[in-house]
Every structure is written in C-alpha cells, then in structure tokens.
Amino acid sequence: MYDIKWIRENTDLFDKGLVSRGLEPLSKDLLALDDRRRAAISLAQSVQEKRNVFSKEIGQAIANKDTGRAEALKLEVARLKETLTASEDQEKQLIAALDAALSTIANTPLGSVPVGRDEHENVVRSVWGQPRDFSFSPKQHFEIGENLGLMDFETAAKMSGARFVINKGALARLERALGQFMLDLHTSVHGYQEVNPPILVKDHAMFGTGQLPKFADDLFRVLPDYWLIPTAEVSLTNMVRDNILDEAALPLRLTALTPCFRAEAGAAGRDTRGMIRQHQFSKVELVTIASPEQSEAEHDYMTRSAERVLQDLELPYRVLTLCTGDMGFGSQKTYDIEVWLPGQNQYREISSCSVCGDFQARRMNARFRASDGSGVRFVHTLNGSGIAVGRALVAVLENYQNEDGSVTIPAALLPYMGGMKRLERH
C-alpha cells in the first residue's frame, strides 16, 4: 500500500510504474482527493481555533456582565460546532475514500524489471538440466496416476466437485515425502525456521498481504470473519504485523507446509484435467522479513533455495524474470521457476519468488528499529514457493515415468519412502 506523501513527492515514478503494468496513471486523481482531505483538515483546524477564541471572549463578556455579547458569542460557538462536526465527518469520509483507493493499486515495479504486456514478454534468466529423451511417447501425470490406480478424480468430484483429487497408497506417500523433503532441505540447509501456522485467517490478515479487497473472488470465505489461506504467505507474513523488530533479528526466514485453497475464479477452461490447477493443494512456502538493504540479496537467496529443490530432484527447469505486465499485485520484482513437463512438452510454473519492498509492511504496520539509531522503518517482505507440492508430484510422475507405466522414485526421496523404489500397479 502506498503512502500518499510518497506519491506526491514521486508523481512521475508512481505513474510510470502503473503505466508499465498496463494501467492508467492515477496520481492526478489521488492527489486531488488528498487535496480535498487536506482542505477539510485545514478548515477543521481553523474552525477550532475560532471556537477557542470565542470561548475565551464568552468568559470575558460574562466577567464584564455583557450578557448580550456573551449570548451572541454562544450562538456563534454553536454554529461553529456544527461546521466543525461537518468538516470532521468530511475528513473521515475522504480519508476512507483515499485509503480505499490506495489499497487497490498495484506495487511499483523496480527499475530492473523488464517492461512488457503479458507472459509472452517475460525474460529467461537461466536454464538448468536437460529434458530426458524418452524412447516412448510420455504420458501426462493424470494418465500415469489413473493407470496406476492411485489417482482418483471421479470420486473426488462426487464429494467436492471439479478441481479436486484423491491420491492413494504409494502416490499419497510420495506426495507426503515431497513435502517432508522440502521442509528438511529449507530448515537444515537454507536456514528457514519451520512454522505450523493457522490456515484460517481474518480480514485484516488478508488485507495485510494484499489479497483483500481486490482479490476476494479468488478466495474461499468461511463464515463472515474467516478466510481459507490461498498460500502460507498470508499467515507467515502476518506474524510480524504491528511489530517493531530489532534489525539484528533480520533477515527472518520462515517456511511452512500447509494446505492452500484457491477459487481459481479466473481460470475457467484452463487445466481442467489433472492436478495443475486445483481448489485445494499443498505447498511449502518461503517468507523472509528483511531490512531494505537486505531485500535484493534475500530475493536471490530465496530463488536459489527453491531451485535447489528441483536440482536435488533432478528435474529440468528454467527461471524467468516476469515483465511488468505479468507481475503479481504486491510484487516489485518476481522470478518464476518453471519445471519441464514432458507429458505436456512444455515448461510450467512451479514456484514464484517475489520481493514486495515495504508494500505489505505498510498495510500491516510491520517495522524494525535500525541498529544505527536512525529510528524505526518499515521492513521489506519477500515470499516464494519452495515449492508447490502438487506440481512437484506432477513433475516427478512425468519425468520419472517408465514405458511399462511404473514411476521411478527420485533418489532424493528414497529416505522418505520406506524402501519403495518404484510406483507400480498392483
């Protein structure tokens, strides 16, 4: 969320950032609204000053036994009170209108972000691994899972509708193994602290990370006051809400494996078969709370941590820098990691790592006390998938499939599989 003072002082940068995202410049309208707010404040102050002066004069008139003047001044004070109440009400309305407007405006991209309209103008940053050369035509994950008798979309649809799945037996264990492997890697190697957070949160938590009010249609609401998290980013980032941290505690790196829930309201007709786009899925999330000076390096560190998961699983992937038109609402800069899926013969997103600057911190009032004594400042927040468990399962099934329909277990997951080395139909 923006500080209107910053917009006033950086009008060109603000409008340029919006235009680079394919949006209309808004500074003129926002500043006009703020001017009205400031005028209301000025009027209220002026009226209050007059009331104070007249109140003193009433006392003097009474002391001088000038009843007529005292009564006239009392009438004037009463009139000013009505004016003051009206101007204060107007000020509250204008503050609410300004806050509402600011809360729906996307973050300003960093200067290093490529300008572009959509995903077709993203820039490939790096490529890792060589796609496997199959001696047969590779199947998609849902064909593999159903042929093994371990992936059941039909039964899931009977109880929950479309975009749900039941994984059974060894496949369910493989999915669990992936999540455990990722958590172990991030906590033991990368220094993230494991957290088991709530998956039900209130409005202010969703507002803090930017899901509300703009993206309510993408979420699942439970009762009037609760929402199911679309990602553990919401819970983990809100852990520092209304806090003032010591700079020595930064960066604070957090990770969690949670169920995630998304309405996929804008995905009608996309990925209707399989596990790519589900209403419920598991994901290992990475969140970092950093100082402004640390955030760029932490963005690279988080991305490398997510990459390490795919490297250990020996899954080919590429890293993209998203262009301005394809970035998320709260992001200043985003790296997407796309894993190779031979069944689809294309790369598909499996992780997205973003630096948000102080955009979320302002919404949450999350700050830190500088160690040099310069005062209290807003933290920077970062988030990324470390990685999406369901999509990792998809990638393993497709990249490790065999011609006989079985699936070889990646070496990195063998310690979690109880001696099992292959998925086979029984």
Protein backbone atom coordinates (compact mmCIF):
# COMPACT_ATOMS: atom_id res chain seq x y z
CA MET A 1 0.00 0.00 0.00
CA TYR A 2 1.21 3.45 -0.85
CA ASP A 3 1.95 6.46 1.31
CA ILE A 4 0.17 9.42 -0.32
CA LYS A 5 3.09 11.62 0.73
CA TRP A 6 5.41 9.38 -1.30
CA ILE A 7 3.09 9.64 -4.31
CA ARG A 8 3.07 13.43 -4.01
CA GLU A 9 6.88 13.51 -3.91
CA ASN A 10 7.36 10.85 -6.64
CA THR A 11 4.47 11.52 -9.02
CA ASP A 12 6.33 10.65 -12.21
CA LEU A 13 7.80 7.42 -10.79
CA PHE A 14 4.39 6.34 -9.47
CA ASP A 15 2.57 6.95 -12.75
CA LYS A 16 5.37 5.41 -14.78
CA GLY A 17 5.14 2.25 -12.69
CA LEU A 18 1.41 1.97 -13.26
CA VAL A 19 1.73 2.58 -16.99
CA SER A 20 4.44 -0.10 -17.21
CA ARG A 21 1.91 -2.54 -15.74
CA GLY A 22 -0.62 -1.58 -18.42
CA LEU A 23 -2.66 0.57 -16.01
CA GLU A 24 -3.81 4.16 -16.19
CA PRO A 25 -1.82 6.85 -14.31
CA LEU A 26 -3.64 7.74 -11.10
CA SER A 27 -1.59 10.40 -9.35
CA LYS A 28 -3.79 13.29 -10.52
CA ASP A 29 -7.00 11.76 -9.13
CA LEU A 30 -5.34 10.61 -5.90
CA LEU A 31 -3.71 13.95 -5.22
CA ALA A 32 -6.99 15.76 -5.92
CA LEU A 33 -8.67 13.53 -3.34
CA ASP A 34 -5.82 14.18 -0.92
CA ASP A 35 -6.10 17.93 -1.54
CA ARG A 36 -9.75 17.76 -0.51
CA ARG A 37 -8.75 15.81 2.61
CA ARG A 38 -6.12 18.37 3.50
CA ALA A 39 -8.59 21.22 2.91
CA ALA A 40 -11.07 19.56 5.27
CA ILE A 41 -8.34 19.23 7.91
CA SER A 42 -7.35 22.87 7.44
CA LEU A 43 -10.97 24.01 7.74
CA ALA A 44 -11.48 21.97 10.90
CA GLN A 45 -8.35 23.46 12.44
CA SER A 46 -9.43 26.98 11.50
CA VAL A 47 -12.90 26.47 12.94
CA GLN A 48 -11.48 25.00 16.13
CA GLU A 49 -9.18 27.99 16.55
CA LYS A 50 -12.15 30.37 16.16
CA ARG A 51 -14.14 28.37 18.72
CA ASN A 52 -11.27 28.63 21.18
CA VAL A 53 -11.05 32.41 20.67
CA PHE A 54 -14.81 32.90 21.03
CA SER A 55 -14.93 30.67 24.12
CA LYS A 56 -12.38 32.95 25.82
CA GLU A 57 -14.36 36.01 24.75
CA ILE A 58 -17.52 34.50 26.26
CA GLY A 59 -15.72 34.25 29.59
CA GLN A 60 -14.60 37.87 29.32
CA ALA A 61 -18.11 39.05 28.36
CA ILE A 62 -19.62 37.23 31.33
CA ALA A 63 -16.94 38.72 33.59
CA ASN A 64 -17.86 42.18 32.23
CA LYS A 65 -21.57 41.39 32.67
CA ASP A 66 -22.09 41.91 28.93
CA THR A 67 -24.91 39.39 28.67
CA GLY A 68 -25.89 40.32 25.12
CA ARG A 69 -22.41 39.80 23.75
CA ALA A 70 -21.99 36.55 25.70
CA GLU A 71 -25.22 35.15 24.24
CA ALA A 72 -24.25 36.21 20.71
CA LEU A 73 -20.88 34.53 21.09
CA LYS A 74 -22.52 31.36 22.39
CA LEU A 75 -24.69 31.23 19.27
CA GLU A 76 -21.58 31.70 17.13
CA VAL A 77 -19.76 28.91 19.01
CA ALA A 78 -22.77 26.61 18.49
CA ARG A 79 -22.75 27.39 14.76
CA LEU A 80 -19.01 26.73 14.57
CA LYS A 81 -19.52 23.41 16.36
CA GLU A 82 -21.89 22.31 13.59
CA THR A 83 -19.37 23.42 10.98
CA LEU A 84 -16.59 21.58 12.82
CA THR A 85 -18.62 18.38 13.06
CA ALA A 86 -19.42 18.56 9.34
CA SER A 87 -15.78 19.18 8.37
CA GLU A 88 -14.57 16.34 10.63
CA ASP A 89 -17.13 13.99 9.09
CA GLN A 90 -16.00 15.04 5.64
CA GLU A 91 -12.39 14.47 6.64
CA LYS A 92 -13.20 10.92 7.83
CA GLN A 93 -15.06 10.19 4.59
CA LEU A 94 -12.18 11.49 2.47
CA ILE A 95 -9.60 9.50 4.49
CA ALA A 96 -11.70 6.36 4.00
CA ALA A 97 -12.06 7.07 0.27
CA LEU A 98 -8.32 7.70 -0.11
CA ASP A 99 -7.40 4.56 1.84
CA ALA A 100 -9.84 2.52 -0.24
CA ALA A 101 -8.34 3.87 -3.46
CA LEU A 102 -4.75 3.28 -2.34
CA SER A 103 -5.50 -0.28 -1.16
CA THR A 104 -6.37 -1.46 -4.69
CA ILE A 105 -3.32 -0.04 -6.53
CA ALA A 106 -0.56 -2.47 -7.54
CA ASN A 107 3.01 -2.07 -6.30
CA THR A 108 5.58 -0.07 -8.30
CA PRO A 109 8.00 -2.32 -10.26
CA LEU A 110 11.71 -1.96 -9.66
CA GLY A 111 13.75 -0.37 -12.42
CA SER A 112 15.39 -3.72 -13.23
CA VAL A 113 12.05 -5.32 -14.18
CA PRO A 114 11.56 -5.72 -17.96
CA VAL A 115 8.63 -3.73 -19.30
CA GLY A 116 6.06 -5.85 -21.09
CA ARG A 117 2.35 -6.52 -21.51
CA ASP A 118 1.96 -10.20 -20.57
CA GLU A 119 3.69 -13.56 -20.07
CA HIS A 120 4.94 -13.54 -23.65
CA GLU A 121 7.38 -10.75 -22.74
CA ASN A 122 8.93 -12.41 -19.69
CA VAL A 123 12.70 -12.86 -19.89
CA VAL A 124 14.50 -16.18 -19.42
CA ARG A 125 17.11 -15.70 -16.71
CA SER A 126 18.66 -19.19 -16.60
CA VAL A 127 18.06 -22.80 -17.63
CA TRP A 128 19.04 -25.87 -15.61
CA GLY A 129 19.09 -29.51 -16.67
CA GLN A 130 18.41 -31.30 -19.91
CA PRO A 131 14.95 -32.74 -20.62
CA ARG A 132 15.02 -36.52 -20.77
CA ASP A 133 14.99 -38.18 -24.17
CA PHE A 134 12.18 -40.75 -23.96
CA SER A 135 12.13 -43.86 -26.14
CA PHE A 136 8.33 -43.76 -25.97
CA SER A 137 5.65 -41.11 -26.03
CA PRO A 138 5.49 -39.73 -22.46
CA LYS A 139 2.10 -39.55 -20.80
CA GLN A 140 0.63 -36.73 -18.75
CA HIS A 141 0.54 -37.12 -14.98
CA PHE A 142 -3.17 -37.83 -14.69
CA GLU A 143 -2.89 -40.69 -17.20
CA ILE A 144 0.03 -42.14 -15.23
CA GLY A 145 -1.72 -41.78 -11.87
CA GLU A 146 -5.03 -43.21 -13.08
CA ASN A 147 -3.32 -46.12 -14.84
CA LEU A 148 -1.54 -46.95 -11.58
CA GLY A 149 -4.93 -46.93 -9.84
CA LEU A 150 -3.62 -44.35 -7.36
CA MET A 151 -5.16 -41.07 -8.63
CA ASP A 152 -8.94 -40.69 -8.48
CA PHE A 153 -10.62 -37.56 -9.83
CA GLU A 154 -14.04 -39.13 -10.25
CA THR A 155 -14.60 -39.98 -6.59
CA ALA A 156 -13.22 -36.60 -5.53
CA ALA A 157 -15.68 -34.87 -7.88
CA LYS A 158 -18.61 -36.78 -6.38
CA MET A 159 -17.92 -35.33 -2.95
CA SER A 160 -16.39 -31.94 -3.80
CA GLY A 161 -16.91 -31.11 -7.47
CA ALA A 162 -14.30 -30.24 -10.09
CA ARG A 163 -10.65 -29.40 -9.38
CA PHE A 164 -10.15 -31.90 -6.57
CA VAL A 165 -8.28 -35.21 -6.49
CA ILE A 166 -7.79 -38.23 -4.24
CA ASN A 167 -4.27 -39.66 -4.22
CA LYS A 168 -3.97 -43.08 -2.65
CA GLY A 169 -1.42 -45.58 -1.40
CA ALA A 170 2.13 -45.16 -2.62
CA LEU A 171 1.21 -41.98 -4.54
CA ALA A 172 -0.12 -40.35 -1.37
CA ARG A 173 3.11 -41.35 0.37
CA LEU A 174 5.16 -39.87 -2.47
CA GLU A 175 3.25 -36.59 -2.15
CA ARG A 176 3.90 -36.57 1.61
CA ALA A 177 7.56 -37.40 1.01
CA LEU A 178 7.94 -34.39 -1.30
CA GLY A 179 6.65 -32.01 1.38
CA GLN A 180 8.86 -33.52 4.07
CA PHE A 181 11.91 -33.42 1.82
CA MET A 182 11.36 -29.73 1.03
CA LEU A 183 10.89 -28.76 4.68
CA ASP A 184 14.01 -30.68 5.71
CA LEU A 185 16.04 -29.01 2.97
CA HIS A 186 14.91 -25.48 3.78
CA THR A 187 15.30 -25.84 7.54
CA SER A 188 18.56 -27.80 7.69
CA VAL A 189 20.39 -26.34 4.69
CA HIS A 190 18.87 -22.95 3.96
CA GLY A 191 18.25 -21.70 7.49
CA TYR A 192 14.49 -21.18 7.33
CA GLN A 193 12.54 -21.67 10.56
CA GLU A 194 9.67 -24.15 10.26
CA VAL A 195 6.26 -22.83 11.31
CA ASN A 196 2.90 -24.55 11.64
CA PRO A 197 0.56 -21.55 11.17
CA PRO A 198 -3.25 -21.12 11.08
CA ILE A 199 -4.88 -21.76 7.72
CA LEU A 200 -7.96 -19.76 8.72
CA VAL A 201 -7.33 -16.03 8.97
CA LYS A 202 -9.38 -12.86 9.42
CA ASP A 203 -9.95 -9.96 7.03
CA HIS A 204 -7.06 -7.85 8.30
CA ALA A 205 -4.56 -10.65 7.63
CA MET A 206 -5.73 -10.98 4.03
CA PHE A 207 -5.62 -7.21 3.68
CA GLY A 208 -2.08 -7.12 5.07
CA THR A 209 -0.66 -9.30 2.31
CA GLY A 210 -2.80 -7.73 -0.41
CA GLN A 211 -5.41 -10.41 -1.14
CA LEU A 212 -8.17 -8.11 0.11
CA PRO A 213 -10.02 -6.14 -1.01
CA LYS A 214 -9.07 -6.58 -4.66
CA PHE A 215 -9.00 -10.38 -4.97
CA ALA A 216 -11.90 -11.57 -2.82
CA ASP A 217 -13.33 -13.59 -5.73
CA ASP A 218 -10.18 -15.73 -5.82
CA LEU A 219 -10.57 -16.76 -2.17
CA PHE A 220 -12.73 -19.11 -0.13
CA ARG A 221 -14.63 -17.39 2.66
CA VAL A 222 -15.62 -19.37 5.75
CA LEU A 223 -18.26 -17.69 7.95
CA PRO A 224 -18.40 -13.88 7.96
CA ASP A 225 -14.99 -13.29 9.54
CA TYR A 226 -12.68 -16.03 8.25
CA TRP A 227 -10.91 -16.95 5.03
CA LEU A 228 -9.00 -20.08 3.99
CA ILE A 229 -5.46 -19.10 3.08
CA PRO A 230 -4.52 -19.23 -0.62
CA THR A 231 -0.88 -19.61 0.47
CA ALA A 232 1.02 -19.69 3.77
CA GLU A 233 2.47 -16.33 2.75
CA VAL A 234 -0.59 -14.81 4.44
CA SER A 235 -0.01 -16.48 7.81
CA LEU A 236 3.77 -16.24 7.83
CA THR A 237 4.00 -12.59 6.77
CA ASN A 238 1.34 -11.53 9.26
CA MET A 239 3.44 -12.94 12.09
CA VAL A 240 5.20 -9.54 12.19
CA ARG A 241 2.04 -7.47 11.94
CA ASP A 242 2.10 -4.43 14.28
CA ASN A 243 5.58 -5.43 15.48
CA ILE A 244 8.79 -3.45 15.78
CA LEU A 245 11.69 -5.87 15.26
CA ASP A 246 15.33 -5.33 16.10
CA GLU A 247 17.47 -5.02 12.97
CA ALA A 248 19.81 -7.64 14.42
CA ALA A 249 16.99 -10.21 14.06
CA LEU A 250 16.84 -9.63 10.29
CA PRO A 251 16.60 -11.34 7.91
CA LEU A 252 13.90 -13.51 9.44
CA ARG A 253 13.38 -16.57 7.22
CA LEU A 254 10.24 -18.65 7.71
CA THR A 255 8.82 -21.74 5.99
CA ALA A 256 5.63 -23.77 6.28
CA LEU A 257 3.93 -26.72 4.60
CA THR A 258 0.20 -26.10 4.53
CA PRO A 259 -2.94 -26.86 2.59
CA CYS A 260 -3.81 -23.93 0.32
CA PHE A 261 -7.20 -23.01 -1.13
CA ARG A 262 -7.95 -21.01 -4.27
CA ALA A 263 -11.24 -20.42 -6.04
CA GLU A 264 -9.49 -20.19 -9.45
CA ALA A 265 -12.24 -17.76 -10.43
CA GLY A 266 -10.33 -16.51 -13.46
CA ALA A 267 -9.22 -19.94 -14.68
CA ALA A 268 -12.40 -21.21 -16.32
CA GLY A 269 -11.49 -23.73 -19.02
CA ARG A 270 -7.78 -23.79 -18.09
CA ASP A 271 -6.09 -27.01 -16.91
CA THR A 272 -9.44 -28.65 -16.23
CA ARG A 273 -7.85 -32.12 -16.17
CA GLY A 274 -5.24 -33.16 -13.67
CA MET A 275 -3.53 -31.54 -10.70
CA ILE A 276 -2.05 -28.38 -12.23
CA ARG A 277 -4.84 -26.08 -11.09
CA GLN A 278 -6.74 -27.31 -8.03
CA HIS A 279 -9.01 -25.69 -5.45
CA GLN A 280 -7.06 -27.43 -2.67
CA PHE A 281 -3.34 -28.22 -2.78
CA SER A 282 -0.27 -28.39 -0.58
CA LYS A 283 2.64 -26.00 -0.83
CA VAL A 284 5.86 -25.30 1.01
CA GLU A 285 6.06 -21.53 1.35
CA LEU A 286 9.11 -19.38 1.98
CA VAL A 287 8.77 -15.94 3.58
CA THR A 288 11.54 -13.51 4.50
CA ILE A 289 11.29 -10.36 6.58
CA ALA A 290 14.30 -8.17 5.79
CA SER A 291 15.68 -4.68 6.01
CA PRO A 292 15.55 -2.61 2.80
CA GLU A 293 19.31 -3.09 2.39
CA GLN A 294 18.94 -6.89 2.57
CA SER A 295 15.92 -7.44 0.34
CA GLU A 296 17.63 -7.71 -3.06
CA ALA A 297 20.14 -10.30 -1.84
CA GLU A 298 17.38 -12.17 0.01
CA HIS A 299 15.34 -12.33 -3.21
CA ASP A 300 18.21 -14.10 -4.94
CA TYR A 301 18.75 -16.35 -1.90
CA MET A 302 15.09 -17.38 -1.80
CA THR A 303 15.06 -18.15 -5.51
CA ARG A 304 18.21 -20.28 -5.20
CA SER A 305 16.62 -22.12 -2.27
CA ALA A 306 13.59 -23.00 -4.40
CA GLU A 307 15.84 -24.00 -7.31
CA ARG A 308 17.77 -26.37 -5.04
CA VAL A 309 14.60 -28.44 -4.55
CA LEU A 310 14.36 -29.10 -8.29
CA GLN A 311 18.09 -29.68 -8.61
CA ASP A 312 18.04 -32.33 -5.88
CA LEU A 313 15.05 -33.97 -7.56
CA GLU A 314 16.93 -33.72 -10.90
CA LEU A 315 14.02 -32.02 -12.61
CA PRO A 316 14.88 -29.71 -15.55
CA TYR A 317 13.66 -26.14 -15.11
CA ARG A 318 14.14 -22.55 -16.16
CA VAL A 319 13.96 -19.25 -14.27
CA LEU A 320 12.14 -16.25 -15.73
CA THR A 321 12.12 -12.60 -14.75
CA LEU A 322 8.50 -11.57 -15.04
CA CYS A 323 7.75 -8.44 -17.03
CA THR A 324 5.76 -5.57 -15.55
CA GLY A 325 2.50 -6.73 -17.12
CA ASP A 326 2.71 -10.24 -15.67
CA MET A 327 3.77 -9.50 -12.09
CA GLY A 328 1.55 -10.04 -9.09
CA PHE A 329 -0.29 -7.21 -7.36
CA GLY A 330 2.09 -6.76 -4.42
CA SER A 331 5.35 -7.54 -6.16
CA GLN A 332 8.18 -5.17 -7.03
CA LYS A 333 10.04 -7.92 -8.88
CA THR A 334 9.31 -11.62 -9.43
CA TYR A 335 11.29 -14.63 -10.58
CA ASP A 336 9.17 -17.55 -11.79
CA ILE A 337 10.60 -21.07 -11.84
CA GLU A 338 9.10 -23.32 -14.48
CA VAL A 339 9.64 -27.08 -14.42
CA TRP A 340 9.78 -29.18 -17.56
CA LEU A 341 6.75 -31.47 -18.05
CA PRO A 342 7.42 -33.99 -20.84
CA GLY A 343 3.78 -35.11 -20.92
CA GLN A 344 2.79 -31.57 -21.88
CA ASN A 345 6.04 -30.91 -23.77
CA GLN A 346 6.42 -27.52 -22.11
CA TYR A 347 7.66 -25.69 -19.03
CA ARG A 348 5.04 -24.93 -16.35
CA GLU A 349 5.27 -22.66 -13.32
CA ILE A 350 6.15 -24.42 -10.08
CA SER A 351 7.45 -21.53 -7.98
CA SER A 352 7.17 -17.76 -7.91
CA CYS A 353 9.57 -15.72 -5.73
CA SER A 354 8.76 -12.06 -5.19
CA VAL A 355 10.21 -9.10 -3.35
CA CYS A 356 7.47 -6.71 -2.20
CA GLY A 357 9.51 -3.88 -0.67
CA ASP A 358 7.53 -2.14 2.09
CA PHE A 359 4.22 -2.57 0.21
CA GLN A 360 2.85 -5.24 2.57
CA ALA A 361 4.66 -3.86 5.62
CA ARG A 362 2.73 -0.58 5.36
CA ARG A 363 -0.56 -2.49 5.24
CA MET A 364 0.49 -4.46 8.34
CA ASN A 365 2.43 -1.74 10.15
CA ALA A 366 5.45 -4.08 10.34
CA ARG A 367 8.62 -2.21 11.24
CA PHE A 368 12.15 -2.56 12.59
CA ARG A 369 14.38 -0.42 14.76
CA ALA A 370 17.60 0.45 12.93
CA SER A 371 20.74 -0.61 14.77
CA ASP A 372 22.49 2.67 13.89
CA GLY A 373 19.98 4.62 15.94
CA SER A 374 18.40 6.29 12.90
CA GLY A 375 14.91 5.34 14.02
CA VAL A 376 12.07 3.00 13.10
CA ARG A 377 11.50 1.97 9.47
CA PHE A 378 9.21 -0.37 7.57
CA VAL A 379 10.58 -3.86 6.87
CA HIS A 380 10.69 -5.38 3.41
CA THR A 381 8.81 -8.62 2.81
CA LEU A 382 9.53 -11.43 0.37
CA ASN A 383 7.63 -14.60 -0.45
CA GLY A 384 8.04 -17.60 -2.69
CA SER A 385 7.00 -21.19 -3.26
CA GLY A 386 9.57 -23.60 -2.02
CA ILE A 387 7.83 -25.37 -3.83
CA ALA A 388 4.25 -26.31 -4.79
CA VAL A 389 3.97 -29.94 -3.68
CA GLY A 390 1.21 -30.95 -6.06
CA ARG A 391 3.02 -29.59 -9.09
CA ALA A 392 6.25 -31.24 -7.90
CA LEU A 393 4.35 -34.53 -7.81
CA VAL A 394 3.15 -33.86 -11.36
CA ALA A 395 6.75 -33.20 -12.45
CA VAL A 396 8.09 -36.35 -10.79
CA LEU A 397 5.42 -38.54 -12.35
CA GLU A 398 6.04 -37.18 -15.84
CA ASN A 399 9.84 -37.00 -15.73
CA TYR A 400 10.39 -40.35 -13.98
CA GLN A 401 7.77 -42.40 -15.83
CA ASN A 402 8.73 -45.67 -17.47
CA GLU A 403 7.39 -47.33 -20.59
CA ASP A 404 5.64 -50.05 -18.55
CA GLY A 405 3.63 -47.43 -16.67
CA SER A 406 5.68 -47.53 -13.49
CA VAL A 407 7.40 -44.49 -11.98
CA THR A 408 10.92 -44.49 -10.55
CA ILE A 409 11.29 -42.73 -7.21
CA PRO A 410 13.88 -39.89 -7.33
CA ALA A 411 16.98 -40.66 -5.27
CA ALA A 412 16.41 -37.63 -3.02
CA LEU A 413 13.05 -39.05 -1.90
CA LEU A 414 14.15 -42.64 -1.19
CA PRO A 415 14.83 -41.95 2.53
CA TYR A 416 11.16 -40.99 2.90
CA MET A 417 9.63 -43.93 1.01
CA GLY A 418 10.23 -46.86 3.40
CA GLY A 419 12.29 -48.89 0.94
CA MET A 420 9.97 -48.32 -2.03
CA LYS A 421 11.86 -47.55 -5.26
CA ARG A 422 9.07 -47.53 -7.84
CA LEU A 423 5.39 -46.82 -8.12
CA GLU A 424 3.75 -49.82 -9.74
CA ARG A 425 0.23 -51.04 -10.30
CA HIS A 426 -0.75 -53.89 -8.01
